[in-house]
Amino acid sequence: SYRRLTQIKNGQNVSFDLKGKNAFNPLGNLQDGDPSNLEQSTDILRAILSTDDSPLSPLERSIIYQELAEISDQQVITLSFLREKWKTSKIPFLRNSATVLYRWTGKTPYGALLDTEKVLDTCGDWTCFDLLGLNDTPDLQRVVMLSIVKRIRELIRRSEGRKVLVLDEVWSLIGRYSEFIGELFRTVRKHNAMAMAI
């Protein structure tokens, strides 16, 4: 297993659960002015707000992108901040989105894991993100996986030396988030890194 390999490499194993273990902000830091960072945060919110039966329209995705772009340089953006802001929006879609975000904010199980200002961080030369604790909540697991991929992309762009990224079970993202994964693979290649999907 990856856990055993991580021990051998004296690395860091990061696991998650519904009690808030290793809680982090899925949107990360949006203050760096990187347009692709905004695009990926928009995709993360799309994963939160849509279902397989009810995907977001291109217009709704554009509304989210515009909302993030307008406030990204002001402060750290949490899910509860967006929920409070959207509750009083004149746009019906955003008011409805605020209702959907209730499940992902505050003291709810999903909120315990994702409604925080803390940025996902890693230490050491070897890190394994273990999502097995989220197997019973595939919607949450998908959002966490997208958020990890986004954060890894940021770290790869800023770090020196060679890097190897291995994505296991990435098939669950390829259908609806192929552009997101494709952008990651294009990015790592430009920054002295290699990516593999299993």
C-alpha atoms as a PDB file:
ATOM      1  CA  SER A   1       0.000   0.000   0.000  1.00  0.00           C
ATOM      2  CA  TYR A   2       0.982   3.651  -0.310  1.00  0.00           C
ATOM      3  CA  ARG A   3       1.053   3.983   3.478  1.00  0.00           C
ATOM      4  CA  ARG A   4       3.794   1.370   3.773  1.00  0.00           C
ATOM      5  CA  LEU A   5       5.789   2.974   0.967  1.00  0.00           C
ATOM      6  CA  THR A   6       5.393   6.361   2.650  1.00  0.00           C
ATOM      7  CA  GLN A   7       6.827   4.920   5.878  1.00  0.00           C
ATOM      8  CA  ILE A   8       9.785   3.461   4.000  1.00  0.00           C
ATOM      9  CA  LYS A   9      10.452   6.862   2.381  1.00  0.00           C
ATOM     10  CA  ASN A  10      10.081   8.594   5.774  1.00  0.00           C
ATOM     11  CA  GLY A  11       7.313  10.694   4.248  1.00  0.00           C
ATOM     12  CA  GLN A  12       4.066  12.285   5.294  1.00  0.00           C
ATOM     13  CA  ASN A  13       0.711  10.466   5.103  1.00  0.00           C
ATOM     14  CA  VAL A  14      -2.248  12.860   5.061  1.00  0.00           C
ATOM     15  CA  SER A  15      -5.664  11.313   5.598  1.00  0.00           C
ATOM     16  CA  PHE A  16      -9.101  12.889   5.985  1.00  0.00           C
ATOM     17  CA  ASP A  17     -12.356  12.148   7.796  1.00  0.00           C
ATOM     18  CA  LEU A  18     -15.723  13.729   8.591  1.00  0.00           C
ATOM     19  CA  LYS A  19     -14.525  14.873  12.021  1.00  0.00           C
ATOM     20  CA  GLY A  20     -12.252  17.464  10.443  1.00  0.00           C
ATOM     21  CA  LYS A  21      -8.954  15.579  10.424  1.00  0.00           C
ATOM     22  CA  ASN A  22      -6.474  17.665   8.361  1.00  0.00           C
ATOM     23  CA  ALA A  23      -9.180  20.237   7.598  1.00  0.00           C
ATOM     24  CA  PHE A  24      -8.301  22.675   4.818  1.00  0.00           C
ATOM     25  CA  ASN A  25      -9.784  25.334   2.550  1.00  0.00           C
ATOM     26  CA  PRO A  26     -10.586  23.703  -0.834  1.00  0.00           C
ATOM     27  CA  LEU A  27     -10.271  27.032  -2.652  1.00  0.00           C
ATOM     28  CA  GLY A  28      -6.782  27.652  -1.313  1.00  0.00           C
ATOM     29  CA  ASN A  29      -5.116  30.999  -1.886  1.00  0.00           C
ATOM     30  CA  LEU A  30      -6.762  33.016  -4.653  1.00  0.00           C
ATOM     31  CA  GLN A  31      -4.718  36.149  -4.061  1.00  0.00           C
ATOM     32  CA  ASP A  32      -1.838  35.224  -6.384  1.00  0.00           C
ATOM     33  CA  GLY A  33      -3.556  36.647  -9.482  1.00  0.00           C
ATOM     34  CA  ASP A  34      -3.164  33.396 -11.466  1.00  0.00           C
ATOM     35  CA  PRO A  35      -6.153  33.017 -13.867  1.00  0.00           C
ATOM     36  CA  SER A  36      -5.828  29.224 -13.947  1.00  0.00           C
ATOM     37  CA  ASN A  37      -6.052  29.224 -10.140  1.00  0.00           C
ATOM     38  CA  LEU A  38      -9.426  30.970 -10.448  1.00  0.00           C
ATOM     39  CA  GLU A  39     -10.513  28.478 -13.117  1.00  0.00           C
ATOM     40  CA  GLN A  40      -9.689  25.519 -10.866  1.00  0.00           C
ATOM     41  CA  SER A  41     -11.418  27.073  -7.855  1.00  0.00           C
ATOM     42  CA  THR A  42     -14.466  27.580 -10.065  1.00  0.00           C
ATOM     43  CA  ASP A  43     -14.349  23.869 -10.966  1.00  0.00           C
ATOM     44  CA  ILE A  44     -14.177  22.965  -7.275  1.00  0.00           C
ATOM     45  CA  LEU A  45     -17.274  25.056  -6.578  1.00  0.00           C
ATOM     46  CA  ARG A  46     -18.936  23.473  -9.614  1.00  0.00           C
ATOM     47  CA  ALA A  47     -18.279  20.047  -8.042  1.00  0.00           C
ATOM     48  CA  ILE A  48     -19.871  21.246  -4.796  1.00  0.00           C
ATOM     49  CA  LEU A  49     -22.916  22.888  -6.358  1.00  0.00           C
ATOM     50  CA  SER A  50     -23.822  20.381  -9.077  1.00  0.00           C
ATOM     51  CA  THR A  51     -24.829  16.745  -9.286  1.00  0.00           C
ATOM     52  CA  ASP A  52     -24.656  14.184 -12.070  1.00  0.00           C
ATOM     53  CA  ASP A  53     -28.375  14.783 -12.652  1.00  0.00           C
ATOM     54  CA  SER A  54     -28.090  18.560 -12.485  1.00  0.00           C
ATOM     55  CA  PRO A  55     -24.790  19.941 -13.827  1.00  0.00           C
ATOM     56  CA  LEU A  56     -24.123  23.676 -13.870  1.00  0.00           C
ATOM     57  CA  SER A  57     -24.739  25.515 -17.123  1.00  0.00           C
ATOM     58  CA  PRO A  58     -21.950  27.521 -18.803  1.00  0.00           C
ATOM     59  CA  LEU A  59     -23.716  30.699 -17.627  1.00  0.00           C
ATOM     60  CA  GLU A  60     -23.790  29.505 -14.005  1.00  0.00           C
ATOM     61  CA  ARG A  61     -20.118  28.564 -14.164  1.00  0.00           C
ATOM     62  CA  SER A  62     -19.323  32.033 -15.540  1.00  0.00           C
ATOM     63  CA  ILE A  63     -21.269  33.647 -12.690  1.00  0.00           C
ATOM     64  CA  ILE A  64     -19.172  31.739 -10.146  1.00  0.00           C
ATOM     65  CA  TYR A  65     -15.942  32.664 -11.919  1.00  0.00           C
ATOM     66  CA  GLN A  66     -16.911  36.333 -11.950  1.00  0.00           C
ATOM     67  CA  GLU A  67     -17.830  36.229  -8.249  1.00  0.00           C
ATOM     68  CA  LEU A  68     -14.447  34.757  -7.342  1.00  0.00           C
ATOM     69  CA  ALA A  69     -12.537  37.157  -9.609  1.00  0.00           C
ATOM     70  CA  GLU A  70     -14.196  40.196  -8.034  1.00  0.00           C
ATOM     71  CA  ILE A  71     -13.271  39.261  -4.462  1.00  0.00           C
ATOM     72  CA  SER A  72     -10.108  37.170  -4.868  1.00  0.00           C
ATOM     73  CA  ASP A  73      -7.720  40.016  -4.054  1.00  0.00           C
ATOM     74  CA  GLN A  74      -9.593  41.120  -0.944  1.00  0.00           C
ATOM     75  CA  GLN A  75      -9.225  38.271   1.542  1.00  0.00           C
ATOM     76  CA  VAL A  76      -9.117  34.543   2.082  1.00  0.00           C
ATOM     77  CA  ILE A  77     -12.328  33.110   0.658  1.00  0.00           C
ATOM     78  CA  THR A  78     -13.989  30.346   2.655  1.00  0.00           C
ATOM     79  CA  LEU A  79     -17.141  28.435   1.790  1.00  0.00           C
ATOM     80  CA  SER A  80     -19.019  30.102   4.674  1.00  0.00           C
ATOM     81  CA  PHE A  81     -17.917  33.541   3.417  1.00  0.00           C
ATOM     82  CA  LEU A  82     -19.413  32.735   0.004  1.00  0.00           C
ATOM     83  CA  ARG A  83     -22.585  31.369   1.586  1.00  0.00           C
ATOM     84  CA  GLU A  84     -23.155  34.536   3.615  1.00  0.00           C
ATOM     85  CA  LYS A  85     -22.395  36.752   0.622  1.00  0.00           C
ATOM     86  CA  TRP A  86     -24.689  34.839  -1.721  1.00  0.00           C
ATOM     87  CA  LYS A  87     -27.645  34.661   0.685  1.00  0.00           C
ATOM     88  CA  THR A  88     -28.557  38.250  -0.204  1.00  0.00           C
ATOM     89  CA  SER A  89     -27.532  38.203  -3.866  1.00  0.00           C
ATOM     90  CA  LYS A  90     -29.915  39.598  -6.472  1.00  0.00           C
ATOM     91  CA  ILE A  91     -29.032  36.613  -8.675  1.00  0.00           C
ATOM     92  CA  PRO A  92     -31.387  33.667  -7.972  1.00  0.00           C
ATOM     93  CA  PHE A  93     -28.719  31.101  -8.884  1.00  0.00           C
ATOM     94  CA  LEU A  94     -26.376  32.478  -6.194  1.00  0.00           C
ATOM     95  CA  ARG A  95     -29.140  32.537  -3.568  1.00  0.00           C
ATOM     96  CA  ASN A  96     -29.874  28.891  -4.374  1.00  0.00           C
ATOM     97  CA  SER A  97     -26.148  28.131  -4.210  1.00  0.00           C
ATOM     98  CA  ALA A  98     -26.035  29.613  -0.714  1.00  0.00           C
ATOM     99  CA  THR A  99     -28.632  27.043   0.334  1.00  0.00           C
ATOM    100  CA  VAL A 100     -26.584  24.215  -1.206  1.00  0.00           C
ATOM    101  CA  LEU A 101     -23.475  25.443   0.612  1.00  0.00           C
ATOM    102  CA  TYR A 102     -25.168  24.973   4.012  1.00  0.00           C
ATOM    103  CA  ARG A 103     -24.232  21.283   3.861  1.00  0.00           C
ATOM    104  CA  TRP A 104     -20.569  22.230   3.232  1.00  0.00           C
ATOM    105  CA  THR A 105     -20.144  24.885   5.923  1.00  0.00           C
ATOM    106  CA  GLY A 106     -20.124  25.451   9.658  1.00  0.00           C
ATOM    107  CA  LYS A 107     -20.424  22.497  12.011  1.00  0.00           C
ATOM    108  CA  THR A 108     -21.756  20.037   9.456  1.00  0.00           C
ATOM    109  CA  PRO A 109     -19.515  17.009   8.744  1.00  0.00           C
ATOM    110  CA  TYR A 110     -18.479  18.426   5.356  1.00  0.00           C
ATOM    111  CA  GLY A 111     -17.970  21.859   6.887  1.00  0.00           C
ATOM    112  CA  ALA A 112     -15.718  20.410   9.593  1.00  0.00           C
ATOM    113  CA  LEU A 113     -13.328  19.291   6.856  1.00  0.00           C
ATOM    114  CA  LEU A 114     -13.562  22.112   4.308  1.00  0.00           C
ATOM    115  CA  ASP A 115     -14.876  25.309   5.910  1.00  0.00           C
ATOM    116  CA  THR A 116     -11.652  26.838   7.197  1.00  0.00           C
ATOM    117  CA  GLU A 117      -9.027  29.410   6.209  1.00  0.00           C
ATOM    118  CA  LYS A 118      -6.208  26.873   6.579  1.00  0.00           C
ATOM    119  CA  VAL A 119      -4.381  26.082   3.337  1.00  0.00           C
ATOM    120  CA  LEU A 120      -3.497  22.456   2.624  1.00  0.00           C
ATOM    121  CA  ASP A 121       0.211  22.100   3.252  1.00  0.00           C
ATOM    122  CA  THR A 122       2.828  19.413   2.884  1.00  0.00           C
ATOM    123  CA  CYS A 123       6.248  18.845   4.381  1.00  0.00           C
ATOM    124  CA  GLY A 124       9.128  16.645   3.375  1.00  0.00           C
ATOM    125  CA  ASP A 125      10.092  15.071   0.083  1.00  0.00           C
ATOM    126  CA  TRP A 126       7.352  12.444   0.002  1.00  0.00           C
ATOM    127  CA  THR A 127       3.645  13.024   0.686  1.00  0.00           C
ATOM    128  CA  CYS A 128       0.737  10.635   0.265  1.00  0.00           C
ATOM    129  CA  PHE A 129      -2.858  11.901   0.393  1.00  0.00           C
ATOM    130  CA  ASP A 130      -5.141   9.088   1.540  1.00  0.00           C
ATOM    131  CA  LEU A 131      -8.848   9.527   0.754  1.00  0.00           C
ATOM    132  CA  LEU A 132     -10.035   6.112   1.976  1.00  0.00           C
ATOM    133  CA  GLY A 133     -11.744   7.728   4.973  1.00  0.00           C
ATOM    134  CA  LEU A 134     -14.091   9.464   2.544  1.00  0.00           C
ATOM    135  CA  ASN A 135     -15.145   6.385   0.555  1.00  0.00           C
ATOM    136  CA  ASP A 136     -18.709   6.566   1.884  1.00  0.00           C
ATOM    137  CA  THR A 137     -19.124  10.156   0.690  1.00  0.00           C
ATOM    138  CA  PRO A 138     -18.174  10.191  -3.023  1.00  0.00           C
ATOM    139  CA  ASP A 139     -19.341  13.789  -3.529  1.00  0.00           C
ATOM    140  CA  LEU A 140     -17.024  14.984  -0.748  1.00  0.00           C
ATOM    141  CA  GLN A 141     -14.219  12.695  -1.906  1.00  0.00           C
ATOM    142  CA  ARG A 142     -14.409  14.174  -5.423  1.00  0.00           C
ATOM    143  CA  VAL A 143     -14.167  17.744  -4.065  1.00  0.00           C
ATOM    144  CA  VAL A 144     -11.233  16.835  -1.808  1.00  0.00           C
ATOM    145  CA  MET A 145      -9.418  15.150  -4.711  1.00  0.00           C
ATOM    146  CA  LEU A 146      -9.909  18.171  -6.972  1.00  0.00           C
ATOM    147  CA  SER A 147      -8.680  20.452  -4.175  1.00  0.00           C
ATOM    148  CA  ILE A 148      -5.573  18.339  -3.601  1.00  0.00           C
ATOM    149  CA  VAL A 149      -4.773  18.345  -7.333  1.00  0.00           C
ATOM    150  CA  LYS A 150      -5.146  22.140  -7.379  1.00  0.00           C
ATOM    151  CA  ARG A 151      -2.841  22.541  -4.381  1.00  0.00           C
ATOM    152  CA  ILE A 152      -0.237  20.145  -5.793  1.00  0.00           C
ATOM    153  CA  ARG A 153      -0.204  22.159  -9.002  1.00  0.00           C
ATOM    154  CA  GLU A 154       0.533  25.323  -6.996  1.00  0.00           C
ATOM    155  CA  LEU A 155       3.342  23.615  -5.060  1.00  0.00           C
ATOM    156  CA  ILE A 156       4.934  22.170  -8.196  1.00  0.00           C
ATOM    157  CA  ARG A 157       5.025  25.591  -9.838  1.00  0.00           C
ATOM    158  CA  ARG A 158       6.810  27.106  -6.827  1.00  0.00           C
ATOM    159  CA  SER A 159       9.293  24.374  -5.870  1.00  0.00           C
ATOM    160  CA  GLU A 160      12.715  23.602  -7.267  1.00  0.00           C
ATOM    161  CA  GLY A 161      14.118  20.185  -8.172  1.00  0.00           C
ATOM    162  CA  ARG A 162      12.523  17.173  -9.786  1.00  0.00           C
ATOM    163  CA  LYS A 163       9.056  16.061  -8.767  1.00  0.00           C
ATOM    164  CA  VAL A 164       6.946  12.978  -9.442  1.00  0.00           C
ATOM    165  CA  LEU A 165       3.173  13.025  -9.062  1.00  0.00           C
ATOM    166  CA  VAL A 166       1.201   9.769  -9.003  1.00  0.00           C
ATOM    167  CA  LEU A 167      -2.601  10.008  -9.167  1.00  0.00           C
ATOM    168  CA  ASP A 168      -4.381   6.796  -8.224  1.00  0.00           C
ATOM    169  CA  GLU A 169      -8.103   6.311  -9.002  1.00  0.00           C
ATOM    170  CA  VAL A 170      -8.035   9.465 -11.133  1.00  0.00           C
ATOM    171  CA  TRP A 171     -10.588   7.889 -13.490  1.00  0.00           C
ATOM    172  CA  SER A 172     -13.314   9.246 -11.194  1.00  0.00           C
ATOM    173  CA  LEU A 173     -12.379  12.795 -12.245  1.00  0.00           C
ATOM    174  CA  ILE A 174     -11.646  12.333 -15.927  1.00  0.00           C
ATOM    175  CA  GLY A 175     -15.252  12.260 -17.140  1.00  0.00           C
ATOM    176  CA  ARG A 176     -16.390  15.685 -15.921  1.00  0.00           C
ATOM    177  CA  TYR A 177     -13.054  17.303 -15.055  1.00  0.00           C
ATOM    178  CA  SER A 178     -10.783  16.261 -17.908  1.00  0.00           C
ATOM    179  CA  GLU A 179      -9.718  19.873 -18.597  1.00  0.00           C
ATOM    180  CA  PHE A 180      -8.759  20.265 -14.936  1.00  0.00           C
ATOM    181  CA  ILE A 181      -6.580  17.131 -15.019  1.00  0.00           C
ATOM    182  CA  GLY A 182      -5.179  18.025 -18.441  1.00  0.00           C
ATOM    183  CA  GLU A 183      -4.086  21.443 -17.165  1.00  0.00           C
ATOM    184  CA  LEU A 184      -2.287  19.755 -14.267  1.00  0.00           C
ATOM    185  CA  PHE A 185      -0.367  17.450 -16.619  1.00  0.00           C
ATOM    186  CA  ARG A 186       0.602  20.377 -18.848  1.00  0.00           C
ATOM    187  CA  THR A 187       1.757  22.368 -15.813  1.00  0.00           C
ATOM    188  CA  VAL A 188       3.930  19.679 -14.244  1.00  0.00           C
ATOM    189  CA  ARG A 189       5.740  19.074 -17.516  1.00  0.00           C
ATOM    190  CA  LYS A 190       6.808  22.725 -17.601  1.00  0.00           C
ATOM    191  CA  HIS A 191       8.185  22.644 -14.056  1.00  0.00           C
ATOM    192  CA  ASN A 192      10.652  19.763 -14.060  1.00  0.00           C
ATOM    193  CA  ALA A 193       8.034  17.267 -12.924  1.00  0.00           C
ATOM    194  CA  MET A 194       6.451  14.054 -14.126  1.00  0.00           C
ATOM    195  CA  ALA A 195       2.838  12.977 -13.622  1.00  0.00           C
ATOM    196  CA  MET A 196       1.344   9.507 -13.857  1.00  0.00           C
ATOM    197  CA  ALA A 197      -2.320   8.499 -13.696  1.00  0.00           C
ATOM    198  CA  ILE A 198      -3.279   5.027 -12.488  1.00  0.00           C
END
